[in-house]
């Protein structure tokens, strides 16, 4: 069937629940085939046929058979999708601004109070920000629906229809990206603060120079997360961003673990409270660090290979 027709059908069905999409797509194909007939049609004639069916938003709402309030029914599914993206961005922005707030203020020395301060600065205003984002997004779509209802919905072009998704494309879970961002940035913040305030048995002069590089790693978490949200599926740009992200984390992690970051007093303390000698304790830590390095390299390599394979699957199967 003509690609413009398939794009029109996709523009309708992508706004419907998954269970309805195949049935509605088949129904639309049959109806359009009857309207077009067997005679070849020009793009203009096909567009006129599709216009007779109605705007994809309106037709999707008719198939859905549900009336909604506040937001115009034909905009409702776009509204939900935008709301998910906005909510994710709001959470990430609050976490990042929380980092800045924490790093620019004096912090308590008590560990429990320190953690309370961290979570209060990072997560304290998220709920309020989410409510504000929900309100403004809803108002925006209400205005769009009110204005759109006064316009001629038949005045649309083929270029207004979305491109068809590639059949081999792999979707990226927004929820998964949100959790990656929240936990990745949160643990990064906690690590930054602990390093900045000093961690027992770690050499401050060795550990603290890593602070700028950890901040870069947190920034990469945010950037790559936003790239994933923007594209929504695995492709070359997402895979390239993921590759450099994991490469940076691997190099930073290996460089840190191979630095002389442990204070010798830790080895002595363990030896004094065990049957092992200081040399045996030191060798044990050395072995554990080596294993940890290899686990990190293997884990990040698997993540990179998986991301690249998903992009290759789409790129080399376009035809």
C-alpha atoms as a PDB file:
ATOM      1  CA  UNK A   1       0.000   0.000   0.000  1.00  0.00           C
ATOM      2  CA  UNK A   2       1.104   3.581  -0.703  1.00  0.00           C
ATOM      3  CA  UNK A   3       3.553   4.870   1.997  1.00  0.00           C
ATOM      4  CA  UNK A   4       1.401   7.975   2.600  1.00  0.00           C
ATOM      5  CA  UNK A   5      -1.502   5.690   3.483  1.00  0.00           C
ATOM      6  CA  UNK A   6       0.663   3.643   5.848  1.00  0.00           C
ATOM      7  CA  UNK A   7       1.860   6.852   7.527  1.00  0.00           C
ATOM      8  CA  UNK A   8      -1.746   7.980   7.931  1.00  0.00           C
ATOM      9  CA  UNK A   9      -2.734   4.645   9.466  1.00  0.00           C
ATOM     10  CA  UNK A  10       0.260   4.821  11.811  1.00  0.00           C
ATOM     11  CA  UNK A  11      -0.676   8.391  12.819  1.00  0.00           C
ATOM     12  CA  UNK A  12      -4.083   7.050  13.857  1.00  0.00           C
ATOM     13  CA  UNK A  13      -3.117   3.764  15.501  1.00  0.00           C
ATOM     14  CA  UNK A  14      -0.165   5.111  17.517  1.00  0.00           C
ATOM     15  CA  UNK A  15      -2.696   7.086  19.577  1.00  0.00           C
ATOM     16  CA  UNK A  16      -4.734   3.962  20.391  1.00  0.00           C
ATOM     17  CA  UNK A  17      -4.236   1.266  23.047  1.00  0.00           C
ATOM     18  CA  UNK A  18      -1.967  -1.564  21.882  1.00  0.00           C
ATOM     19  CA  UNK A  19      -4.857  -4.057  21.861  1.00  0.00           C
ATOM     20  CA  UNK A  20      -6.800  -1.972  19.299  1.00  0.00           C
ATOM     21  CA  UNK A  21      -4.037  -1.076  16.876  1.00  0.00           C
ATOM     22  CA  UNK A  22      -3.936  -4.124  14.609  1.00  0.00           C
ATOM     23  CA  UNK A  23      -7.720  -4.330  14.240  1.00  0.00           C
ATOM     24  CA  UNK A  24      -8.048  -0.592  13.513  1.00  0.00           C
ATOM     25  CA  UNK A  25      -5.131  -0.706  11.035  1.00  0.00           C
ATOM     26  CA  UNK A  26      -6.765  -3.564   9.096  1.00  0.00           C
ATOM     27  CA  UNK A  27     -10.111  -1.772   9.131  1.00  0.00           C
ATOM     28  CA  UNK A  28      -8.566   1.457   7.825  1.00  0.00           C
ATOM     29  CA  UNK A  29      -6.646  -0.353   5.066  1.00  0.00           C
ATOM     30  CA  UNK A  30      -9.827  -2.013   3.867  1.00  0.00           C
ATOM     31  CA  UNK A  31     -11.788   1.250   3.935  1.00  0.00           C
ATOM     32  CA  UNK A  32      -9.079   3.211   2.126  1.00  0.00           C
ATOM     33  CA  UNK A  33      -8.663   0.462  -0.489  1.00  0.00           C
ATOM     34  CA  UNK A  34     -12.412   0.647  -1.221  1.00  0.00           C
ATOM     35  CA  UNK A  35     -12.256   4.454  -1.493  1.00  0.00           C
ATOM     36  CA  UNK A  36      -9.221   4.489  -3.790  1.00  0.00           C
ATOM     37  CA  UNK A  37     -10.157   1.551  -6.005  1.00  0.00           C
ATOM     38  CA  UNK A  38      -7.824  -0.166  -8.468  1.00  0.00           C
ATOM     39  CA  UNK A  39      -6.966   2.926 -10.540  1.00  0.00           C
ATOM     40  CA  UNK A  40      -3.515   4.419  -9.748  1.00  0.00           C
ATOM     41  CA  UNK A  41      -3.793   7.673  -7.813  1.00  0.00           C
ATOM     42  CA  UNK A  42      -1.554  10.714  -7.538  1.00  0.00           C
ATOM     43  CA  UNK A  43      -0.307  11.996  -4.173  1.00  0.00           C
ATOM     44  CA  UNK A  44      -2.862  14.811  -4.324  1.00  0.00           C
ATOM     45  CA  UNK A  45      -5.717  12.350  -4.892  1.00  0.00           C
ATOM     46  CA  UNK A  46      -4.523  10.125  -2.048  1.00  0.00           C
ATOM     47  CA  UNK A  47      -4.300  13.141   0.261  1.00  0.00           C
ATOM     48  CA  UNK A  48      -7.850  14.143  -0.654  1.00  0.00           C
ATOM     49  CA  UNK A  49      -9.037  10.612   0.144  1.00  0.00           C
ATOM     50  CA  UNK A  50      -7.292  10.682   3.496  1.00  0.00           C
ATOM     51  CA  UNK A  51      -8.723  14.124   4.250  1.00  0.00           C
ATOM     52  CA  UNK A  52     -12.181  12.730   3.651  1.00  0.00           C
ATOM     53  CA  UNK A  53     -11.506  10.260   6.446  1.00  0.00           C
ATOM     54  CA  UNK A  54     -10.601  13.118   8.812  1.00  0.00           C
ATOM     55  CA  UNK A  55      -7.624  14.310  10.822  1.00  0.00           C
ATOM     56  CA  UNK A  56      -5.709  11.372  12.378  1.00  0.00           C
ATOM     57  CA  UNK A  57      -6.202  12.822  15.877  1.00  0.00           C
ATOM     58  CA  UNK A  58      -9.976  13.039  15.435  1.00  0.00           C
ATOM     59  CA  UNK A  59     -10.264   9.613  13.809  1.00  0.00           C
ATOM     60  CA  UNK A  60      -8.193   8.024  16.601  1.00  0.00           C
ATOM     61  CA  UNK A  61     -10.509   9.563  19.164  1.00  0.00           C
ATOM     62  CA  UNK A  62     -13.548   8.202  17.295  1.00  0.00           C
ATOM     63  CA  UNK A  63     -12.079   4.707  17.361  1.00  0.00           C
ATOM     64  CA  UNK A  64     -11.204   5.089  21.029  1.00  0.00           C
ATOM     65  CA  UNK A  65     -14.788   5.911  21.851  1.00  0.00           C
ATOM     66  CA  UNK A  66     -13.997   7.763  25.094  1.00  0.00           C
ATOM     67  CA  UNK A  67     -14.647  11.372  25.965  1.00  0.00           C
ATOM     68  CA  UNK A  68     -12.160  13.091  28.235  1.00  0.00           C
ATOM     69  CA  UNK A  69     -12.235  16.403  29.970  1.00  0.00           C
ATOM     70  CA  UNK A  70      -9.838  19.366  30.321  1.00  0.00           C
ATOM     71  CA  UNK A  71      -7.528  18.203  27.509  1.00  0.00           C
ATOM     72  CA  UNK A  72      -9.183  17.790  24.096  1.00  0.00           C
ATOM     73  CA  UNK A  73      -9.654  14.059  23.345  1.00  0.00           C
ATOM     74  CA  UNK A  74      -7.604  14.152  20.142  1.00  0.00           C
ATOM     75  CA  UNK A  75      -4.624  15.598  22.068  1.00  0.00           C
ATOM     76  CA  UNK A  76      -4.888  13.328  25.100  1.00  0.00           C
ATOM     77  CA  UNK A  77      -2.382  10.632  24.117  1.00  0.00           C
ATOM     78  CA  UNK A  78       0.204  13.217  23.051  1.00  0.00           C
ATOM     79  CA  UNK A  79      -0.466  14.919  26.381  1.00  0.00           C
ATOM     80  CA  UNK A  80       0.345  11.730  28.301  1.00  0.00           C
ATOM     81  CA  UNK A  81       3.553  11.162  26.333  1.00  0.00           C
ATOM     82  CA  UNK A  82       4.732  14.735  26.885  1.00  0.00           C
ATOM     83  CA  UNK A  83       3.814  14.507  30.569  1.00  0.00           C
ATOM     84  CA  UNK A  84       6.050  11.441  30.990  1.00  0.00           C
ATOM     85  CA  UNK A  85       9.022  13.163  29.360  1.00  0.00           C
ATOM     86  CA  UNK A  86       8.475  16.392  31.310  1.00  0.00           C
ATOM     87  CA  UNK A  87       8.218  14.481  34.600  1.00  0.00           C
ATOM     88  CA  UNK A  88      11.506  12.702  33.904  1.00  0.00           C
ATOM     89  CA  UNK A  89      13.258  15.957  33.036  1.00  0.00           C
ATOM     90  CA  UNK A  90      11.864  17.651  36.165  1.00  0.00           C
ATOM     91  CA  UNK A  91      13.221  14.875  38.378  1.00  0.00           C
ATOM     92  CA  UNK A  92      16.647  15.019  36.750  1.00  0.00           C
ATOM     93  CA  UNK A  93      16.817  18.834  36.926  1.00  0.00           C
ATOM     94  CA  UNK A  94      15.893  18.763  40.632  1.00  0.00           C
ATOM     95  CA  UNK A  95      18.611  16.211  41.302  1.00  0.00           C
ATOM     96  CA  UNK A  96      21.226  18.261  39.442  1.00  0.00           C
ATOM     97  CA  UNK A  97      20.254  21.523  41.169  1.00  0.00           C
ATOM     98  CA  UNK A  98      20.352  19.614  44.451  1.00  0.00           C
ATOM     99  CA  UNK A  99      23.958  18.678  43.702  1.00  0.00           C
ATOM    100  CA  UNK A 100      24.875  22.297  43.126  1.00  0.00           C
ATOM    101  CA  UNK A 101      23.120  23.347  46.332  1.00  0.00           C
ATOM    102  CA  UNK A 102      24.923  20.686  48.366  1.00  0.00           C
ATOM    103  CA  UNK A 103      28.366  21.387  46.956  1.00  0.00           C
ATOM    104  CA  UNK A 104      28.053  25.127  47.574  1.00  0.00           C
ATOM    105  CA  UNK A 105      26.972  24.946  51.237  1.00  0.00           C
ATOM    106  CA  UNK A 106      28.668  23.820  54.417  1.00  0.00           C
ATOM    107  CA  UNK A 107      27.677  20.308  55.415  1.00  0.00           C
ATOM    108  CA  UNK A 108      27.291  18.632  58.837  1.00  0.00           C
ATOM    109  CA  UNK A 109      29.994  16.191  59.885  1.00  0.00           C
ATOM    110  CA  UNK A 110      27.585  13.657  61.412  1.00  0.00           C
ATOM    111  CA  UNK A 111      27.004  10.896  58.827  1.00  0.00           C
ATOM    112  CA  UNK A 112      23.249  10.427  59.490  1.00  0.00           C
ATOM    113  CA  UNK A 113      22.589  14.164  59.455  1.00  0.00           C
ATOM    114  CA  UNK A 114      24.706  14.397  56.307  1.00  0.00           C
ATOM    115  CA  UNK A 115      22.535  11.836  54.514  1.00  0.00           C
ATOM    116  CA  UNK A 116      19.370  13.613  55.672  1.00  0.00           C
ATOM    117  CA  UNK A 117      20.730  16.880  54.290  1.00  0.00           C
ATOM    118  CA  UNK A 118      21.573  15.225  50.975  1.00  0.00           C
ATOM    119  CA  UNK A 119      18.114  13.745  50.477  1.00  0.00           C
ATOM    120  CA  UNK A 120      16.394  16.922  51.629  1.00  0.00           C
ATOM    121  CA  UNK A 121      18.326  19.051  49.133  1.00  0.00           C
ATOM    122  CA  UNK A 122      18.046  16.595  46.266  1.00  0.00           C
ATOM    123  CA  UNK A 123      14.544  15.186  46.661  1.00  0.00           C
ATOM    124  CA  UNK A 124      12.798  17.718  48.894  1.00  0.00           C
ATOM    125  CA  UNK A 125      11.332  19.869  46.113  1.00  0.00           C
ATOM    126  CA  UNK A 126      10.672  17.159  43.518  1.00  0.00           C
ATOM    127  CA  UNK A 127       7.016  16.664  44.481  1.00  0.00           C
ATOM    128  CA  UNK A 128       6.260  20.374  44.286  1.00  0.00           C
ATOM    129  CA  UNK A 129       8.081  20.648  40.942  1.00  0.00           C
ATOM    130  CA  UNK A 130       6.178  17.670  39.522  1.00  0.00           C
ATOM    131  CA  UNK A 131       2.854  19.240  40.493  1.00  0.00           C
ATOM    132  CA  UNK A 132       3.888  22.510  38.844  1.00  0.00           C
ATOM    133  CA  UNK A 133       5.015  20.678  35.682  1.00  0.00           C
ATOM    134  CA  UNK A 134       1.723  18.750  35.595  1.00  0.00           C
ATOM    135  CA  UNK A 135      -0.269  21.980  35.924  1.00  0.00           C
ATOM    136  CA  UNK A 136       1.596  23.881  33.195  1.00  0.00           C
ATOM    137  CA  UNK A 137       1.591  20.909  30.792  1.00  0.00           C
ATOM    138  CA  UNK A 138      -2.142  20.467  31.300  1.00  0.00           C
ATOM    139  CA  UNK A 139      -2.791  24.185  30.738  1.00  0.00           C
ATOM    140  CA  UNK A 140      -0.674  24.114  27.580  1.00  0.00           C
ATOM    141  CA  UNK A 141      -2.583  21.201  26.082  1.00  0.00           C
ATOM    142  CA  UNK A 142      -5.909  22.707  27.145  1.00  0.00           C
ATOM    143  CA  UNK A 143      -5.008  25.864  25.207  1.00  0.00           C
ATOM    144  CA  UNK A 144      -3.823  23.791  22.228  1.00  0.00           C
ATOM    145  CA  UNK A 145      -7.112  21.880  22.238  1.00  0.00           C
ATOM    146  CA  UNK A 146      -9.185  25.032  22.539  1.00  0.00           C
ATOM    147  CA  UNK A 147      -7.330  26.744  19.692  1.00  0.00           C
ATOM    148  CA  UNK A 148      -7.177  23.608  17.566  1.00  0.00           C
ATOM    149  CA  UNK A 149     -10.932  23.048  17.806  1.00  0.00           C
ATOM    150  CA  UNK A 150     -11.471  26.424  16.124  1.00  0.00           C
ATOM    151  CA  UNK A 151      -9.203  25.612  13.189  1.00  0.00           C
ATOM    152  CA  UNK A 152     -10.039  23.585  10.105  1.00  0.00           C
ATOM    153  CA  UNK A 153      -8.856  20.099  10.967  1.00  0.00           C
ATOM    154  CA  UNK A 154      -9.052  19.043   7.317  1.00  0.00           C
ATOM    155  CA  UNK A 155      -6.271  21.478   6.421  1.00  0.00           C
ATOM    156  CA  UNK A 156      -3.309  19.199   6.914  1.00  0.00           C
ATOM    157  CA  UNK A 157      -0.521  17.907   4.668  1.00  0.00           C
ATOM    158  CA  UNK A 158       1.230  14.601   4.118  1.00  0.00           C
ATOM    159  CA  UNK A 159       4.330  16.145   5.735  1.00  0.00           C
ATOM    160  CA  UNK A 160       2.308  16.498   8.958  1.00  0.00           C
ATOM    161  CA  UNK A 161       2.084  12.712   9.262  1.00  0.00           C
ATOM    162  CA  UNK A 162       4.779  10.971  11.375  1.00  0.00           C
ATOM    163  CA  UNK A 163       7.362   8.771   9.697  1.00  0.00           C
ATOM    164  CA  UNK A 164       6.745   5.049  10.009  1.00  0.00           C
ATOM    165  CA  UNK A 165       8.877   3.393  12.706  1.00  0.00           C
ATOM    166  CA  UNK A 166      11.374   0.842  11.486  1.00  0.00           C
ATOM    167  CA  UNK A 167      10.034  -2.704  12.045  1.00  0.00           C
ATOM    168  CA  UNK A 168      13.306  -3.763  13.696  1.00  0.00           C
ATOM    169  CA  UNK A 169      13.557  -0.753  15.992  1.00  0.00           C
ATOM    170  CA  UNK A 170      13.886  -1.420  19.724  1.00  0.00           C
ATOM    171  CA  UNK A 171      12.087   0.972  22.040  1.00  0.00           C
ATOM    172  CA  UNK A 172      13.820   2.497  25.049  1.00  0.00           C
ATOM    173  CA  UNK A 173      11.828   2.341  28.277  1.00  0.00           C
ATOM    174  CA  UNK A 174      11.208   5.816  29.680  1.00  0.00           C
ATOM    175  CA  UNK A 175      10.732   4.298  33.132  1.00  0.00           C
ATOM    176  CA  UNK A 176      14.054   2.483  32.851  1.00  0.00           C
ATOM    177  CA  UNK A 177      15.826   5.676  31.774  1.00  0.00           C
ATOM    178  CA  UNK A 178      14.224   7.587  34.653  1.00  0.00           C
ATOM    179  CA  UNK A 179      15.469   5.038  37.202  1.00  0.00           C
ATOM    180  CA  UNK A 180      18.933   5.046  35.632  1.00  0.00           C
ATOM    181  CA  UNK A 181      19.070   8.820  35.909  1.00  0.00           C
ATOM    182  CA  UNK A 182      17.725   9.010  39.449  1.00  0.00           C
ATOM    183  CA  UNK A 183      19.899   6.270  40.926  1.00  0.00           C
ATOM    184  CA  UNK A 184      22.993   7.073  38.873  1.00  0.00           C
ATOM    185  CA  UNK A 185      22.930  10.762  39.742  1.00  0.00           C
ATOM    186  CA  UNK A 186      21.926  10.136  43.368  1.00  0.00           C
ATOM    187  CA  UNK A 187      24.781   7.724  44.060  1.00  0.00           C
ATOM    188  CA  UNK A 188      27.134  10.067  42.220  1.00  0.00           C
ATOM    189  CA  UNK A 189      26.081  12.922  44.493  1.00  0.00           C
ATOM    190  CA  UNK A 190      26.534  10.865  47.629  1.00  0.00           C
ATOM    191  CA  UNK A 191      29.963   9.772  46.422  1.00  0.00           C
ATOM    192  CA  UNK A 192      30.962  13.354  45.666  1.00  0.00           C
ATOM    193  CA  UNK A 193      29.926  14.588  49.087  1.00  0.00           C
ATOM    194  CA  UNK A 194      31.621  11.752  50.929  1.00  0.00           C
ATOM    195  CA  UNK A 195      34.832  12.281  48.980  1.00  0.00           C
ATOM    196  CA  UNK A 196      34.672  16.024  49.563  1.00  0.00           C
ATOM    197  CA  UNK A 197      34.205  15.550  53.322  1.00  0.00           C
ATOM    198  CA  UNK A 198      36.740  12.753  53.591  1.00  0.00           C
ATOM    199  CA  UNK A 199      36.226   9.001  53.857  1.00  0.00           C
ATOM    200  CA  UNK A 200      37.997   7.075  56.615  1.00  0.00           C
ATOM    201  CA  UNK A 201      40.972   5.001  55.457  1.00  0.00           C
ATOM    202  CA  UNK A 202      41.035   6.654  52.030  1.00  0.00           C
ATOM    203  CA  UNK A 203      43.859   9.023  51.133  1.00  0.00           C
ATOM    204  CA  UNK A 204      42.290  12.456  50.659  1.00  0.00           C
ATOM    205  CA  UNK A 205      45.181  13.706  48.520  1.00  0.00           C
ATOM    206  CA  UNK A 206      44.618  10.800  46.104  1.00  0.00           C
ATOM    207  CA  UNK A 207      40.802  10.674  46.124  1.00  0.00           C
ATOM    208  CA  UNK A 208      39.792  14.355  46.035  1.00  0.00           C
ATOM    209  CA  UNK A 209      41.425  15.113  42.634  1.00  0.00           C
ATOM    210  CA  UNK A 210      38.848  12.715  41.164  1.00  0.00           C
ATOM    211  CA  UNK A 211      35.949  15.036  42.132  1.00  0.00           C
ATOM    212  CA  UNK A 212      35.843  16.965  38.786  1.00  0.00           C
ATOM    213  CA  UNK A 213      35.900  13.696  36.844  1.00  0.00           C
ATOM    214  CA  UNK A 214      33.046  12.259  38.916  1.00  0.00           C
ATOM    215  CA  UNK A 215      31.056  15.428  38.213  1.00  0.00           C
ATOM    216  CA  UNK A 216      31.663  14.896  34.490  1.00  0.00           C
ATOM    217  CA  UNK A 217      30.423  11.304  34.864  1.00  0.00           C
ATOM    218  CA  UNK A 218      27.222  12.580  36.493  1.00  0.00           C
ATOM    219  CA  UNK A 219      26.803  15.099  33.673  1.00  0.00           C
ATOM    220  CA  UNK A 220      27.214  12.303  31.118  1.00  0.00           C
ATOM    221  CA  UNK A 221      24.525  10.295  32.936  1.00  0.00           C
ATOM    222  CA  UNK A 222      22.124  13.200  32.462  1.00  0.00           C
ATOM    223  CA  UNK A 223      23.076  13.921  28.832  1.00  0.00           C
ATOM    224  CA  UNK A 224      22.858  10.289  27.698  1.00  0.00           C
ATOM    225  CA  UNK A 225      19.562   9.862  29.553  1.00  0.00           C
ATOM    226  CA  UNK A 226      18.066  12.889  27.789  1.00  0.00           C
ATOM    227  CA  UNK A 227      19.330  11.588  24.423  1.00  0.00           C
ATOM    228  CA  UNK A 228      17.571   8.275  25.065  1.00  0.00           C
ATOM    229  CA  UNK A 229      14.361  10.088  25.984  1.00  0.00           C
ATOM    230  CA  UNK A 230      14.582  12.307  22.896  1.00  0.00           C
ATOM    231  CA  UNK A 231      14.974   9.445  20.399  1.00  0.00           C
ATOM    232  CA  UNK A 232      12.876   6.831  22.204  1.00  0.00           C
ATOM    233  CA  UNK A 233      14.442   3.939  20.234  1.00  0.00           C
ATOM    234  CA  UNK A 234      17.907   2.478  19.862  1.00  0.00           C
ATOM    235  CA  UNK A 235      19.739   4.005  16.900  1.00  0.00           C
ATOM    236  CA  UNK A 236      23.234   5.171  15.914  1.00  0.00           C
ATOM    237  CA  UNK A 237      23.268   8.436  17.946  1.00  0.00           C
ATOM    238  CA  UNK A 238      21.986   6.688  21.081  1.00  0.00           C
ATOM    239  CA  UNK A 239      24.491   3.845  20.691  1.00  0.00           C
ATOM    240  CA  UNK A 240      27.402   6.258  20.125  1.00  0.00           C
ATOM    241  CA  UNK A 241      26.439   8.279  23.217  1.00  0.00           C
ATOM    242  CA  UNK A 242      26.118   5.062  25.243  1.00  0.00           C
ATOM    243  CA  UNK A 243      29.502   3.833  23.996  1.00  0.00           C
ATOM    244  CA  UNK A 244      31.389   6.987  25.052  1.00  0.00           C
ATOM    245  CA  UNK A 245      29.480   7.104  28.338  1.00  0.00           C
ATOM    246  CA  UNK A 246      30.516   3.574  29.314  1.00  0.00           C
ATOM    247  CA  UNK A 247      34.030   4.068  27.936  1.00  0.00           C
ATOM    248  CA  UNK A 248      34.487   7.143  30.147  1.00  0.00           C
ATOM    249  CA  UNK A 249      33.109   5.358  33.223  1.00  0.00           C
ATOM    250  CA  UNK A 250      35.353   2.340  32.582  1.00  0.00           C
ATOM    251  CA  UNK A 251      38.528   4.409  32.147  1.00  0.00           C
ATOM    252  CA  UNK A 252      37.704   6.526  35.210  1.00  0.00           C
ATOM    253  CA  UNK A 253      36.872   3.466  37.322  1.00  0.00           C
ATOM    254  CA  UNK A 254      40.001   1.553  36.298  1.00  0.00           C
ATOM    255  CA  UNK A 255      42.236   4.590  36.844  1.00  0.00           C
ATOM    256  CA  UNK A 256      40.751   5.178  40.302  1.00  0.00           C
ATOM    257  CA  UNK A 257      40.944   1.542  41.422  1.00  0.00           C
ATOM    258  CA  UNK A 258      44.565   1.293  40.278  1.00  0.00           C
ATOM    259  CA  UNK A 259      45.532   4.434  42.175  1.00  0.00           C
ATOM    260  CA  UNK A 260      46.985   4.118  45.660  1.00  0.00           C
ATOM    261  CA  UNK A 261      43.743   5.318  47.311  1.00  0.00           C
ATOM    262  CA  UNK A 262      43.731   3.060  50.398  1.00  0.00           C
ATOM    263  CA  UNK A 263      45.473   4.204  53.563  1.00  0.00           C
ATOM    264  CA  UNK A 264      47.987   1.616  54.900  1.00  0.00           C
ATOM    265  CA  UNK A 265      46.442   1.995  58.359  1.00  0.00           C
ATOM    266  CA  UNK A 266      43.445   0.010  57.055  1.00  0.00           C
ATOM    267  CA  UNK A 267      45.660  -3.004  56.380  1.00  0.00           C
ATOM    268  CA  UNK A 268      47.184  -2.728  59.842  1.00  0.00           C
ATOM    269  CA  UNK A 269      43.759  -2.423  61.488  1.00  0.00           C
ATOM    270  CA  UNK A 270      42.469  -5.582  59.782  1.00  0.00           C
ATOM    271  CA  UNK A 271      45.679  -7.472  60.569  1.00  0.00           C
ATOM    272  CA  UNK A 272      45.427  -6.481  64.236  1.00  0.00           C
ATOM    273  CA  UNK A 273      41.903  -7.928  64.446  1.00  0.00           C
ATOM    274  CA  UNK A 274      42.482 -11.075  62.407  1.00  0.00           C
ATOM    275  CA  UNK A 275      44.925 -13.926  61.928  1.00  0.00           C
ATOM    276  CA  UNK A 276      46.291 -12.464  58.698  1.00  0.00           C
ATOM    277  CA  UNK A 277      49.510 -10.509  58.331  1.00  0.00           C
ATOM    278  CA  UNK A 278      49.594  -6.999  56.911  1.00  0.00           C
ATOM    279  CA  UNK A 279      51.080  -8.357  53.675  1.00  0.00           C
ATOM    280  CA  UNK A 280      48.310 -10.972  53.333  1.00  0.00           C
ATOM    281  CA  UNK A 281      45.632  -8.331  53.892  1.00  0.00           C
ATOM    282  CA  UNK A 282      47.244  -6.073  51.319  1.00  0.00           C
ATOM    283  CA  UNK A 283      47.448  -8.926  48.790  1.00  0.00           C
ATOM    284  CA  UNK A 284      43.797  -9.775  49.459  1.00  0.00           C
ATOM    285  CA  UNK A 285      42.740  -6.198  48.716  1.00  0.00           C
ATOM    286  CA  UNK A 286      44.885  -6.196  45.589  1.00  0.00           C
ATOM    287  CA  UNK A 287      43.201  -9.366  44.326  1.00  0.00           C
ATOM    288  CA  UNK A 288      39.719  -8.022  45.116  1.00  0.00           C
ATOM    289  CA  UNK A 289      40.448  -4.768  43.264  1.00  0.00           C
ATOM    290  CA  UNK A 290      41.706  -6.702  40.226  1.00  0.00           C
ATOM    291  CA  UNK A 291      38.524  -8.811  40.171  1.00  0.00           C
ATOM    292  CA  UNK A 292      36.401  -5.667  40.544  1.00  0.00           C
ATOM    293  CA  UNK A 293      38.220  -4.020  37.629  1.00  0.00           C
ATOM    294  CA  UNK A 294      37.572  -6.989  35.354  1.00  0.00           C
ATOM    295  CA  UNK A 295      33.926  -7.212  36.404  1.00  0.00           C
ATOM    296  CA  UNK A 296      33.514  -3.524  35.608  1.00  0.00           C
ATOM    297  CA  UNK A 297      35.200  -3.888  32.219  1.00  0.00           C
ATOM    298  CA  UNK A 298      33.134  -6.943  31.298  1.00  0.00           C
ATOM    299  CA  UNK A 299      29.873  -5.373  32.508  1.00  0.00           C
ATOM    300  CA  UNK A 300      30.398  -2.128  30.606  1.00  0.00           C
ATOM    301  CA  UNK A 301      31.562  -4.046  27.514  1.00  0.00           C
ATOM    302  CA  UNK A 302      28.339  -6.068  27.537  1.00  0.00           C
ATOM    303  CA  UNK A 303      26.293  -2.861  27.821  1.00  0.00           C
ATOM    304  CA  UNK A 304      28.178  -1.296  24.890  1.00  0.00           C
ATOM    305  CA  UNK A 305      27.948  -4.407  22.687  1.00  0.00           C
ATOM    306  CA  UNK A 306      24.213  -4.678  23.391  1.00  0.00           C
ATOM    307  CA  UNK A 307      23.632  -1.019  22.502  1.00  0.00           C
ATOM    308  CA  UNK A 308      25.670  -1.252  19.280  1.00  0.00           C
ATOM    309  CA  UNK A 309      23.971  -4.497  18.210  1.00  0.00           C
ATOM    310  CA  UNK A 310      20.542  -2.871  18.602  1.00  0.00           C
ATOM    311  CA  UNK A 311      21.581   0.037  16.386  1.00  0.00           C
ATOM    312  CA  UNK A 312      23.171  -2.283  13.801  1.00  0.00           C
ATOM    313  CA  UNK A 313      19.994  -4.362  13.684  1.00  0.00           C
ATOM    314  CA  UNK A 314      18.060  -1.275  12.575  1.00  0.00           C
ATOM    315  CA  UNK A 315      20.739   0.288  10.333  1.00  0.00           C
ATOM    316  CA  UNK A 316      21.463  -2.816   8.228  1.00  0.00           C
ATOM    317  CA  UNK A 317      17.852  -3.932   7.912  1.00  0.00           C
ATOM    318  CA  UNK A 318      16.296  -0.726   6.603  1.00  0.00           C
ATOM    319  CA  UNK A 319      15.447  -2.386   3.347  1.00  0.00           C
END
